[in-house]
PDB file of N, CA and C in Angstrom:
ATOM      1  N   MET A   1    -104.764   8.102 117.478  1.00  0.00           N
ATOM      2  CA  MET A   1    -103.928   6.963 117.191  1.00  0.00           C
ATOM      3  C   MET A   1    -102.872   6.839 118.290  1.00  0.00           C
ATOM      4  N   ALA A   2    -102.765   5.678 118.896  1.00  0.00           N
ATOM      5  CA  ALA A   2    -101.816   5.438 119.980  1.00  0.00           C
ATOM      6  C   ALA A   2    -100.396   5.362 119.442  1.00  0.00           C
ATOM      7  N   ASN A   3     -99.479   6.010 120.152  1.00  0.00           N
ATOM      8  CA  ASN A   3     -98.081   5.900 119.757  1.00  0.00           C
ATOM      9  C   ASN A   3     -97.236   5.223 120.827  1.00  0.00           C
ATOM     10  N   ALA A   4     -97.892   4.716 121.883  1.00  0.00           N
ATOM     11  CA  ALA A   4     -97.114   4.099 122.961  1.00  0.00           C
ATOM     12  C   ALA A   4     -97.909   3.036 123.705  1.00  0.00           C
ATOM     13  N   LEU A   5     -97.169   2.097 124.227  1.00  0.00           N
ATOM     14  CA  LEU A   5     -97.659   1.156 125.226  1.00  0.00           C
ATOM     15  C   LEU A   5     -96.838   1.417 126.475  1.00  0.00           C
ATOM     16  N   LEU A   6     -97.490   1.423 127.616  1.00  0.00           N
ATOM     17  CA  LEU A   6     -96.798   1.628 128.873  1.00  0.00           C
ATOM     18  C   LEU A   6     -97.277   0.575 129.849  1.00  0.00           C
ATOM     19  N   SER A   7     -96.338  -0.220 130.360  1.00  0.00           N
ATOM     20  CA  SER A   7     -96.665  -1.208 131.390  1.00  0.00           C
ATOM     21  C   SER A   7     -96.184  -0.675 132.720  1.00  0.00           C
ATOM     22  N   ILE A   8     -97.007  -0.855 133.740  1.00  0.00           N
ATOM     23  CA  ILE A   8     -96.661  -0.362 135.071  1.00  0.00           C
ATOM     24  C   ILE A   8     -96.924  -1.424 136.128  1.00  0.00           C
ATOM     25  N   GLN A   9     -95.980  -1.504 137.042  1.00  0.00           N
ATOM     26  CA  GLN A   9     -96.162  -2.261 138.272  1.00  0.00           C
ATOM     27  C   GLN A   9     -95.995  -1.238 139.386  1.00  0.00           C
ATOM     28  N   ILE A  10     -97.056  -1.016 140.141  1.00  0.00           N
ATOM     29  CA  ILE A  10     -96.994  -0.017 141.212  1.00  0.00           C
ATOM     30  C   ILE A  10     -96.848  -0.752 142.542  1.00  0.00           C
ATOM     31  N   LEU A  11     -95.882  -0.295 143.331  1.00  0.00           N
ATOM     32  CA  LEU A  11     -95.558  -0.943 144.600  1.00  0.00           C
ATOM     33  C   LEU A  11     -95.623   0.089 145.718  1.00  0.00           C
ATOM     34  N   PRO A  12     -96.817   0.326 146.254  1.00  0.00           N
ATOM     35  CA  PRO A  12     -96.931   1.317 147.327  1.00  0.00           C
ATOM     36  C   PRO A  12     -96.481   0.740 148.668  1.00  0.00           C
ATOM     37  N   ARG A  13     -95.813   1.553 149.444  1.00  0.00           N
ATOM     38  CA  ARG A  13     -95.544   1.181 150.837  1.00  0.00           C
ATOM     39  C   ARG A  13     -96.782   1.607 151.615  1.00  0.00           C
ATOM     40  N   THR A  14     -97.479   0.662 152.167  1.00  0.00           N
ATOM     41  CA  THR A  14     -98.743   0.971 152.827  1.00  0.00           C
ATOM     42  C   THR A  14     -98.498   1.609 154.196  1.00  0.00           C
ATOM     43  N   PRO A  15     -99.445   2.443 154.637  1.00  0.00           N
ATOM     44  CA  PRO A  15     -99.248   3.195 155.877  1.00  0.00           C
ATOM     45  C   PRO A  15     -98.966   2.331 157.105  1.00  0.00           C
ATOM     46  N   ASN A  16     -99.649   1.188 157.210  1.00  0.00           N
ATOM     47  CA  ASN A  16     -99.503   0.357 158.413  1.00  0.00           C
ATOM     48  C   ASN A  16     -99.028  -1.052 158.087  1.00  0.00           C
ATOM     49  N   GLY A  17     -98.407  -1.210 156.925  1.00  0.00           N
ATOM     50  CA  GLY A  17     -97.892  -2.514 156.536  1.00  0.00           C
ATOM     51  C   GLY A  17     -98.959  -3.504 156.099  1.00  0.00           C
ATOM     52  N   GLU A  18    -100.150  -3.010 155.799  1.00  0.00           N
ATOM     53  CA  GLU A  18    -101.225  -3.911 155.374  1.00  0.00           C
ATOM     54  C   GLU A  18    -101.023  -4.332 153.915  1.00  0.00           C
ATOM     55  N   SER A  19    -101.874  -5.214 153.459  1.00  0.00           N
ATOM     56  CA  SER A  19    -101.824  -5.728 152.091  1.00  0.00           C
ATOM     57  C   SER A  19    -101.880  -4.584 151.078  1.00  0.00           C
ATOM     58  N   VAL A  20    -101.149  -4.742 149.985  1.00  0.00           N
ATOM     59  CA  VAL A  20    -101.171  -3.722 148.935  1.00  0.00           C
ATOM     60  C   VAL A  20    -102.351  -3.879 147.989  1.00  0.00           C
ATOM     61  N   ILE A  21    -103.084  -4.974 148.070  1.00  0.00           N
ATOM     62  CA  ILE A  21    -104.146  -5.263 147.098  1.00  0.00           C
ATOM     63  C   ILE A  21    -105.166  -4.130 146.988  1.00  0.00           C
ATOM     64  N   PRO A  22    -105.723  -3.598 148.060  1.00  0.00           N
ATOM     65  CA  PRO A  22    -106.674  -2.487 147.903  1.00  0.00           C
ATOM     66  C   PRO A  22    -106.039  -1.255 147.254  1.00  0.00           C
ATOM     67  N   TYR A  23    -104.770  -1.062 147.457  1.00  0.00           N
ATOM     68  CA  TYR A  23    -104.056   0.071 146.866  1.00  0.00           C
ATOM     69  C   TYR A  23    -103.868  -0.150 145.368  1.00  0.00           C
ATOM     70  N   VAL A  24    -103.486  -1.362 144.999  1.00  0.00           N
ATOM     71  CA  VAL A  24    -103.345  -1.699 143.580  1.00  0.00           C
ATOM     72  C   VAL A  24    -104.706  -1.602 142.889  1.00  0.00           C
ATOM     73  N   ASP A  25    -105.751  -2.057 143.556  1.00  0.00           N
ATOM     74  CA  ASP A  25    -107.105  -1.929 142.994  1.00  0.00           C
ATOM     75  C   ASP A  25    -107.436  -0.463 142.726  1.00  0.00           C
ATOM     76  N   ARG A  26    -107.062   0.414 143.642  1.00  0.00           N
ATOM     77  CA  ARG A  26    -107.305   1.860 143.455  1.00  0.00           C
ATOM     78  C   ARG A  26    -106.506   2.387 142.267  1.00  0.00           C
ATOM     79  N   ALA A  27    -105.268   1.928 142.121  1.00  0.00           N
ATOM     80  CA  ALA A  27    -104.448   2.358 140.990  1.00  0.00           C
ATOM     81  C   ALA A  27    -105.088   1.922 139.672  1.00  0.00           C
ATOM     82  N   ILE A  28    -105.639   0.717 139.637  1.00  0.00           N
ATOM     83  CA  ILE A  28    -106.318   0.238 138.428  1.00  0.00           C
ATOM     84  C   ILE A  28    -107.583   1.048 138.177  1.00  0.00           C
ATOM     85  N   ASP A  29    -108.269   1.464 139.241  1.00  0.00           N
ATOM     86  CA  ASP A  29    -109.436   2.344 139.073  1.00  0.00           C
ATOM     87  C   ASP A  29    -109.043   3.662 138.400  1.00  0.00           C
ATOM     88  N   VAL A  30    -107.862   4.174 138.728  1.00  0.00           N
ATOM     89  CA  VAL A  30    -107.370   5.405 138.089  1.00  0.00           C
ATOM     90  C   VAL A  30    -107.199   5.168 136.590  1.00  0.00           C
ATOM     91  N   ILE A  31    -106.642   4.016 136.233  1.00  0.00           N
ATOM     92  CA  ILE A  31    -106.474   3.681 134.814  1.00  0.00           C
ATOM     93  C   ILE A  31    -107.835   3.597 134.134  1.00  0.00           C
ATOM     94  N   LYS A  32    -108.772   2.889 134.750  1.00  0.00           N
ATOM     95  CA  LYS A  32    -110.120   2.765 134.179  1.00  0.00           C
ATOM     96  C   LYS A  32    -110.734   4.140 133.928  1.00  0.00           C
ATOM     97  N   ALA A  33    -110.615   5.018 134.906  1.00  0.00           N
ATOM     98  CA  ALA A  33    -111.219   6.350 134.804  1.00  0.00           C
ATOM     99  C   ALA A  33    -110.571   7.191 133.706  1.00  0.00           C
ATOM    100  N   SER A  34    -109.334   6.869 133.345  1.00  0.00           N
ATOM    101  CA  SER A  34    -108.630   7.646 132.325  1.00  0.00           C
ATOM    102  C   SER A  34    -109.200   7.431 130.932  1.00  0.00           C
ATOM    103  N   GLY A  35    -109.848   6.285 130.725  1.00  0.00           N
ATOM    104  CA  GLY A  35    -110.427   5.979 129.424  1.00  0.00           C
ATOM    105  C   GLY A  35    -109.468   5.349 128.421  1.00  0.00           C
ATOM    106  N   VAL A  36    -108.199   5.146 128.806  1.00  0.00           N
ATOM    107  CA  VAL A  36    -107.262   4.523 127.870  1.00  0.00           C
ATOM    108  C   VAL A  36    -107.478   3.015 127.857  1.00  0.00           C
ATOM    109  N   PRO A  37    -107.248   2.367 126.711  1.00  0.00           N
ATOM    110  CA  PRO A  37    -107.308   0.902 126.687  1.00  0.00           C
ATOM    111  C   PRO A  37    -106.221   0.331 127.599  1.00  0.00           C
ATOM    112  N   TYR A  38    -106.545  -0.751 128.298  1.00  0.00           N
ATOM    113  CA  TYR A  38    -105.571  -1.347 129.211  1.00  0.00           C
ATOM    114  C   TYR A  38    -105.849  -2.837 129.367  1.00  0.00           C
ATOM    115  N   ARG A  39    -104.843  -3.553 129.829  1.00  0.00           N
ATOM    116  CA  ARG A  39    -104.963  -4.970 130.160  1.00  0.00           C
ATOM    117  C   ARG A  39    -104.241  -5.206 131.474  1.00  0.00           C
ATOM    118  N   VAL A  40    -104.949  -5.837 132.399  1.00  0.00           N
ATOM    119  CA  VAL A  40    -104.357  -6.195 133.682  1.00  0.00           C
ATOM    120  C   VAL A  40    -103.758  -7.592 133.546  1.00  0.00           C
ATOM    121  N   ALA A  41    -102.534  -7.754 134.013  1.00  0.00           N
ATOM    122  CA  ALA A  41    -101.853  -9.041 134.044  1.00  0.00           C
ATOM    123  C   ALA A  41    -101.420  -9.312 135.487  1.00  0.00           C
ATOM    124  N   PRO A  42    -100.923 -10.494 135.774  1.00  0.00           N
ATOM    125  CA  PRO A  42    -100.603 -10.811 137.169  1.00  0.00           C
ATOM    126  C   PRO A  42     -99.576  -9.887 137.824  1.00  0.00           C
ATOM    127  N   LEU A  43     -98.608  -9.399 137.075  1.00  0.00           N
ATOM    128  CA  LEU A  43     -97.541  -8.607 137.683  1.00  0.00           C
ATOM    129  C   LEU A  43     -97.476  -7.164 137.223  1.00  0.00           C
ATOM    130  N   GLU A  44     -98.280  -6.800 136.240  1.00  0.00           N
ATOM    131  CA  GLU A  44     -98.270  -5.429 135.734  1.00  0.00           C
ATOM    132  C   GLU A  44     -99.532  -5.191 134.918  1.00  0.00           C
ATOM    133  N   THR A  45     -99.785  -3.928 134.647  1.00  0.00           N
ATOM    134  CA  THR A  45    -100.899  -3.541 133.799  1.00  0.00           C
ATOM    135  C   THR A  45    -100.333  -2.744 132.638  1.00  0.00           C
ATOM    136  N   THR A  46    -100.825  -3.038 131.423  1.00  0.00           N
ATOM    137  CA  THR A  46    -100.362  -2.345 130.229  1.00  0.00           C
ATOM    138  C   THR A  46    -101.457  -1.431 129.720  1.00  0.00           C
ATOM    139  N   MET A  47    -101.059  -0.189 129.404  1.00  0.00           N
ATOM    140  CA  MET A  47    -101.966   0.808 128.851  1.00  0.00           C
ATOM    141  C   MET A  47    -101.522   1.147 127.429  1.00  0.00           C
ATOM    142  N   GLU A  48    -102.465   1.613 126.625  1.00  0.00           N
ATOM    143  CA  GLU A  48    -102.205   1.985 125.233  1.00  0.00           C
ATOM    144  C   GLU A  48    -102.715   3.397 124.993  1.00  0.00           C
ATOM    145  N   GLY A  49    -101.886   4.244 124.371  1.00  0.00           N
ATOM    146  CA  GLY A  49    -102.336   5.604 124.078  1.00  0.00           C
ATOM    147  C   GLY A  49    -101.191   6.501 123.690  1.00  0.00           C
ATOM    148  N   GLU A  50    -101.439   7.798 123.803  1.00  0.00           N
ATOM    149  CA  GLU A  50    -100.397   8.785 123.547  1.00  0.00           C
ATOM    150  C   GLU A  50     -99.482   8.827 124.772  1.00  0.00           C
ATOM    151  N   LEU A  51     -98.179   8.883 124.520  1.00  0.00           N
ATOM    152  CA  LEU A  51     -97.209   8.789 125.610  1.00  0.00           C
ATOM    153  C   LEU A  51     -97.457   9.828 126.699  1.00  0.00           C
ATOM    154  N   ASP A  52     -97.727  11.072 126.325  1.00  0.00           N
ATOM    155  CA  ASP A  52     -97.935  12.095 127.354  1.00  0.00           C
ATOM    156  C   ASP A  52     -99.148  11.785 128.220  1.00  0.00           C
ATOM    157  N   LYS A  53    -100.203  11.261 127.633  1.00  0.00           N
ATOM    158  CA  LYS A  53    -101.401  10.882 128.392  1.00  0.00           C
ATOM    159  C   LYS A  53    -101.097   9.727 129.339  1.00  0.00           C
ATOM    160  N   LEU A  54    -100.352   8.733 128.856  1.00  0.00           N
ATOM    161  CA  LEU A  54    -100.027   7.576 129.692  1.00  0.00           C
ATOM    162  C   LEU A  54     -99.157   7.984 130.878  1.00  0.00           C
ATOM    163  N   LEU A  55     -98.212   8.870 130.649  1.00  0.00           N
ATOM    164  CA  LEU A  55     -97.378   9.353 131.747  1.00  0.00           C
ATOM    165  C   LEU A  55     -98.200  10.165 132.754  1.00  0.00           C
ATOM    166  N   ALA A  56     -99.205  10.876 132.263  1.00  0.00           N
ATOM    167  CA  ALA A  56    -100.105  11.607 133.165  1.00  0.00           C
ATOM    168  C   ALA A  56    -100.912  10.631 134.029  1.00  0.00           C
ATOM    169  N   VAL A  57    -101.303   9.499 133.456  1.00  0.00           N
ATOM    170  CA  VAL A  57    -102.020   8.480 134.233  1.00  0.00           C
ATOM    171  C   VAL A  57    -101.117   7.934 135.337  1.00  0.00           C
ATOM    172  N   VAL A  58     -99.850   7.695 135.018  1.00  0.00           N
ATOM    173  CA  VAL A  58     -98.902   7.235 136.031  1.00  0.00           C
ATOM    174  C   VAL A  58     -98.824   8.254 137.167  1.00  0.00           C
ATOM    175  N   GLN A  59     -98.766   9.515 136.827  1.00  0.00           N
ATOM    176  CA  GLN A  59     -98.722  10.568 137.840  1.00  0.00           C
ATOM    177  C   GLN A  59     -99.986  10.534 138.701  1.00  0.00           C
ATOM    178  N   GLU A  60    -101.140  10.354 138.075  1.00  0.00           N
ATOM    179  CA  GLU A  60    -102.405  10.271 138.820  1.00  0.00           C
ATOM    180  C   GLU A  60    -102.428   9.053 139.740  1.00  0.00           C
ATOM    181  N   MET A  61    -101.874   7.939 139.268  1.00  0.00           N
ATOM    182  CA  MET A  61    -101.823   6.729 140.094  1.00  0.00           C
ATOM    183  C   MET A  61    -100.984   6.979 141.348  1.00  0.00           C
ATOM    184  N   ASN A  62     -99.839   7.614 141.177  1.00  0.00           N
ATOM    185  CA  ASN A  62     -98.986   7.907 142.317  1.00  0.00           C
ATOM    186  C   ASN A  62     -99.661   8.876 143.278  1.00  0.00           C
ATOM    187  N   ALA A  63    -100.360   9.867 142.743  1.00  0.00           N
ATOM    188  CA  ALA A  63    -101.089  10.813 143.596  1.00  0.00           C
ATOM    189  C   ALA A  63    -102.173  10.095 144.390  1.00  0.00           C
ATOM    190  N   ALA A  64    -102.855   9.150 143.761  1.00  0.00           N
ATOM    191  CA  ALA A  64    -103.900   8.396 144.461  1.00  0.00           C
ATOM    192  C   ALA A  64    -103.310   7.593 145.617  1.00  0.00           C
ATOM    193  N   MET A  65    -102.124   7.029 145.424  1.00  0.00           N
ATOM    194  CA  MET A  65    -101.474   6.270 146.505  1.00  0.00           C
ATOM    195  C   MET A  65    -101.108   7.204 147.661  1.00  0.00           C
ATOM    196  N   ALA A  66    -100.604   8.380 147.324  1.00  0.00           N
ATOM    197  CA  ALA A  66    -100.262   9.360 148.359  1.00  0.00           C
ATOM    198  C   ALA A  66    -101.513   9.785 149.120  1.00  0.00           C
ATOM    199  N   GLU A  67    -102.617   9.996 148.398  1.00  0.00           N
ATOM    200  CA  GLU A  67    -103.883  10.374 149.045  1.00  0.00           C
ATOM    201  C   GLU A  67    -104.371   9.292 149.988  1.00  0.00           C
ATOM    202  N   MET A  68    -104.031   8.030 149.692  1.00  0.00           N
ATOM    203  CA  MET A  68    -104.419   6.915 150.562  1.00  0.00           C
ATOM    204  C   MET A  68    -103.480   6.758 151.756  1.00  0.00           C
ATOM    205  N   GLY A  69    -102.476   7.630 151.841  1.00  0.00           N
ATOM    206  CA  GLY A  69    -101.583   7.624 152.997  1.00  0.00           C
ATOM    207  C   GLY A  69    -100.278   6.878 152.813  1.00  0.00           C
ATOM    208  N   CYS A  70     -99.955   6.460 151.611  1.00  0.00           N
ATOM    209  CA  CYS A  70     -98.695   5.752 151.394  1.00  0.00           C
ATOM    210  C   CYS A  70     -97.522   6.717 151.554  1.00  0.00           C
ATOM    211  N   PRO A  71     -96.557   6.374 152.394  1.00  0.00           N
ATOM    212  CA  PRO A  71     -95.414   7.263 152.578  1.00  0.00           C
ATOM    213  C   PRO A  71     -94.434   7.242 151.402  1.00  0.00           C
ATOM    214  N   SER A  72     -94.475   6.175 150.597  1.00  0.00           N
ATOM    215  CA  SER A  72     -93.639   6.109 149.401  1.00  0.00           C
ATOM    216  C   SER A  72     -94.254   5.131 148.409  1.00  0.00           C
ATOM    217  N   ILE A  73     -93.925   5.323 147.147  1.00  0.00           N
ATOM    218  CA  ILE A  73     -94.470   4.497 146.068  1.00  0.00           C
ATOM    219  C   ILE A  73     -93.365   4.246 145.054  1.00  0.00           C
ATOM    220  N   ILE A  74     -93.211   3.004 144.639  1.00  0.00           N
ATOM    221  CA  ILE A  74     -92.324   2.674 143.528  1.00  0.00           C
ATOM    222  C   ILE A  74     -93.210   2.364 142.337  1.00  0.00           C
ATOM    223  N   SER A  75     -92.959   3.006 141.221  1.00  0.00           N
ATOM    224  CA  SER A  75     -93.672   2.726 139.970  1.00  0.00           C
ATOM    225  C   SER A  75     -92.639   2.263 138.949  1.00  0.00           C
ATOM    226  N   GLN A  76     -92.673   0.979 138.654  1.00  0.00           N
ATOM    227  CA  GLN A  76     -91.768   0.435 137.652  1.00  0.00           C
ATOM    228  C   GLN A  76     -92.510   0.445 136.323  1.00  0.00           C
ATOM    229  N   ILE A  77     -91.944   1.140 135.337  1.00  0.00           N
ATOM    230  CA  ILE A  77     -92.626   1.238 134.053  1.00  0.00           C
ATOM    231  C   ILE A  77     -91.719   0.796 132.909  1.00  0.00           C
ATOM    232  N   LYS A  78     -92.380   0.286 131.878  1.00  0.00           N
ATOM    233  CA  LYS A  78     -91.733  -0.038 130.608  1.00  0.00           C
ATOM    234  C   LYS A  78     -92.524   0.684 129.537  1.00  0.00           C
ATOM    235  N   VAL A  79     -91.820   1.269 128.593  1.00  0.00           N
ATOM    236  CA  VAL A  79     -92.481   2.027 127.538  1.00  0.00           C
ATOM    237  C   VAL A  79     -92.042   1.502 126.179  1.00  0.00           C
ATOM    238  N   TYR A  80     -93.020   1.240 125.325  1.00  0.00           N
ATOM    239  CA  TYR A  80     -92.789   0.947 123.909  1.00  0.00           C
ATOM    240  C   TYR A  80     -93.330   2.157 123.163  1.00  0.00           C
ATOM    241  N   TYR A  81     -92.453   2.890 122.507  1.00  0.00           N
ATOM    242  CA  TYR A  81     -92.825   4.163 121.885  1.00  0.00           C
ATOM    243  C   TYR A  81     -92.530   4.119 120.395  1.00  0.00           C
ATOM    244  N   VAL A  82     -93.525   4.501 119.593  1.00  0.00           N
ATOM    245  CA  VAL A  82     -93.397   4.554 118.132  1.00  0.00           C
ATOM    246  C   VAL A  82     -93.753   5.982 117.719  1.00  0.00           C
ATOM    247  N   PRO A  83     -92.774   6.897 117.688  1.00  0.00           N
ATOM    248  CA  PRO A  83     -93.076   8.309 117.472  1.00  0.00           C
ATOM    249  C   PRO A  83     -93.815   8.613 116.177  1.00  0.00           C
ATOM    250  N   ALA A  84     -93.533   7.881 115.120  1.00  0.00           N
ATOM    251  CA  ALA A  84     -94.158   8.183 113.824  1.00  0.00           C
ATOM    252  C   ALA A  84     -95.166   7.125 113.406  1.00  0.00           C
ATOM    253  N   GLY A  85     -95.595   6.313 114.346  1.00  0.00           N
ATOM    254  CA  GLY A  85     -96.485   5.220 113.953  1.00  0.00           C
ATOM    255  C   GLY A  85     -97.514   4.897 115.000  1.00  0.00           C
ATOM    256  N   THR A  86     -97.895   3.657 115.003  1.00  0.00           N
ATOM    257  CA  THR A  86     -98.901   3.217 115.958  1.00  0.00           C
ATOM    258  C   THR A  86     -98.321   2.125 116.843  1.00  0.00           C
ATOM    259  N   ALA A  87     -98.787   2.090 118.061  1.00  0.00           N
ATOM    260  CA  ALA A  87     -98.441   1.048 119.014  1.00  0.00           C
ATOM    261  C   ALA A  87     -99.749   0.415 119.461  1.00  0.00           C
ATOM    262  N   SER A  88     -99.813  -0.891 119.391  1.00  0.00           N
ATOM    263  CA  SER A  88    -101.062  -1.570 119.710  1.00  0.00           C
ATOM    264  C   SER A  88    -100.801  -2.872 120.459  1.00  0.00           C
ATOM    265  N   MET A  89    -101.524  -3.069 121.552  1.00  0.00           N
ATOM    266  CA  MET A  89    -101.433  -4.338 122.272  1.00  0.00           C
ATOM    267  C   MET A  89    -101.874  -5.471 121.370  1.00  0.00           C
ATOM    268  N   ASP A  90    -102.974  -5.267 120.644  1.00  0.00           N
ATOM    269  CA  ASP A  90    -103.492  -6.318 119.764  1.00  0.00           C
ATOM    270  C   ASP A  90    -102.475  -6.734 118.712  1.00  0.00           C
ATOM    271  N   ALA A  91    -101.786  -5.773 118.112  1.00  0.00           N
ATOM    272  CA  ALA A  91    -100.800  -6.099 117.081  1.00  0.00           C
ATOM    273  C   ALA A  91     -99.651  -6.917 117.654  1.00  0.00           C
ATOM    274  N   LEU A  92     -99.206  -6.560 118.845  1.00  0.00           N
ATOM    275  CA  LEU A  92     -98.092  -7.296 119.462  1.00  0.00           C
ATOM    276  C   LEU A  92     -98.491  -8.675 119.936  1.00  0.00           C
ATOM    277  N   LEU A  93     -99.777  -8.870 120.204  1.00  0.00           N
ATOM    278  CA  LEU A  93    -100.244 -10.150 120.737  1.00  0.00           C
ATOM    279  C   LEU A  93    -100.991 -11.007 119.718  1.00  0.00           C
ATOM    280  N   GLU A  94    -101.090 -10.571 118.466  1.00  0.00           N
ATOM    281  CA  GLU A  94    -101.929 -11.274 117.506  1.00  0.00           C
ATOM    282  C   GLU A  94    -101.538 -12.725 117.290  1.00  0.00           C
ATOM    283  N   LYS A  95    -100.280 -13.091 117.445  1.00  0.00           N
ATOM    284  CA  LYS A  95     -99.913 -14.489 117.253  1.00  0.00           C
ATOM    285  C   LYS A  95    -100.113 -15.330 118.520  1.00  0.00           C
ATOM    286  N   TYR A  96    -100.602 -14.686 119.577  1.00  0.00           N
ATOM    287  CA  TYR A  96    -100.909 -15.386 120.823  1.00  0.00           C
ATOM    288  C   TYR A  96    -102.376 -15.188 121.196  1.00  0.00           C
ATOM    289  N   PRO A  97    -103.306 -15.671 120.395  1.00  0.00           N
ATOM    290  CA  PRO A  97    -104.730 -15.371 120.627  1.00  0.00           C
ATOM    291  C   PRO A  97    -105.263 -15.874 121.949  1.00  0.00           C
ATOM    292  N   ASP A  98    -104.676 -16.921 122.498  1.00  0.00           N
ATOM    293  CA  ASP A  98    -105.148 -17.477 123.754  1.00  0.00           C
ATOM    294  C   ASP A  98    -104.278 -17.060 124.933  1.00  0.00           C
ATOM    295  N   GLY A  99    -103.370 -16.117 124.692  1.00  0.00           N
ATOM    296  CA  GLY A  99    -102.500 -15.655 125.747  1.00  0.00           C
ATOM    297  C   GLY A  99    -101.389 -16.632 126.095  1.00  0.00           C
ATOM    298  N   GLN A 100    -101.130 -17.581 125.207  1.00  0.00           N
ATOM    299  CA  GLN A 100    -100.094 -18.581 125.499  1.00  0.00           C
ATOM    300  C   GLN A 100     -99.038 -18.598 124.438  1.00  0.00           C
TER     301      GLN A 100
END
């Protein structure tokens, strides 16, 4: 049962000033490989799961950026945490079925 939602916007400084898109794509691949439910949005990606697991995914994302040669990475995160309950993207979005 998920107890947290974590949204992340990762902003890697690329080695040669090139586009960040391939780097962001790699970060999303890390999320996919983690197996946690997630939704990609234009400015951030939201994951659903246990808080410790989600924070570990953030750590893996940053490591992947470093492995790609990024000299620095900014990870802006927002956390919705329900210690004794459930956190669900679907529950928070149920009144917006079309995303509007």
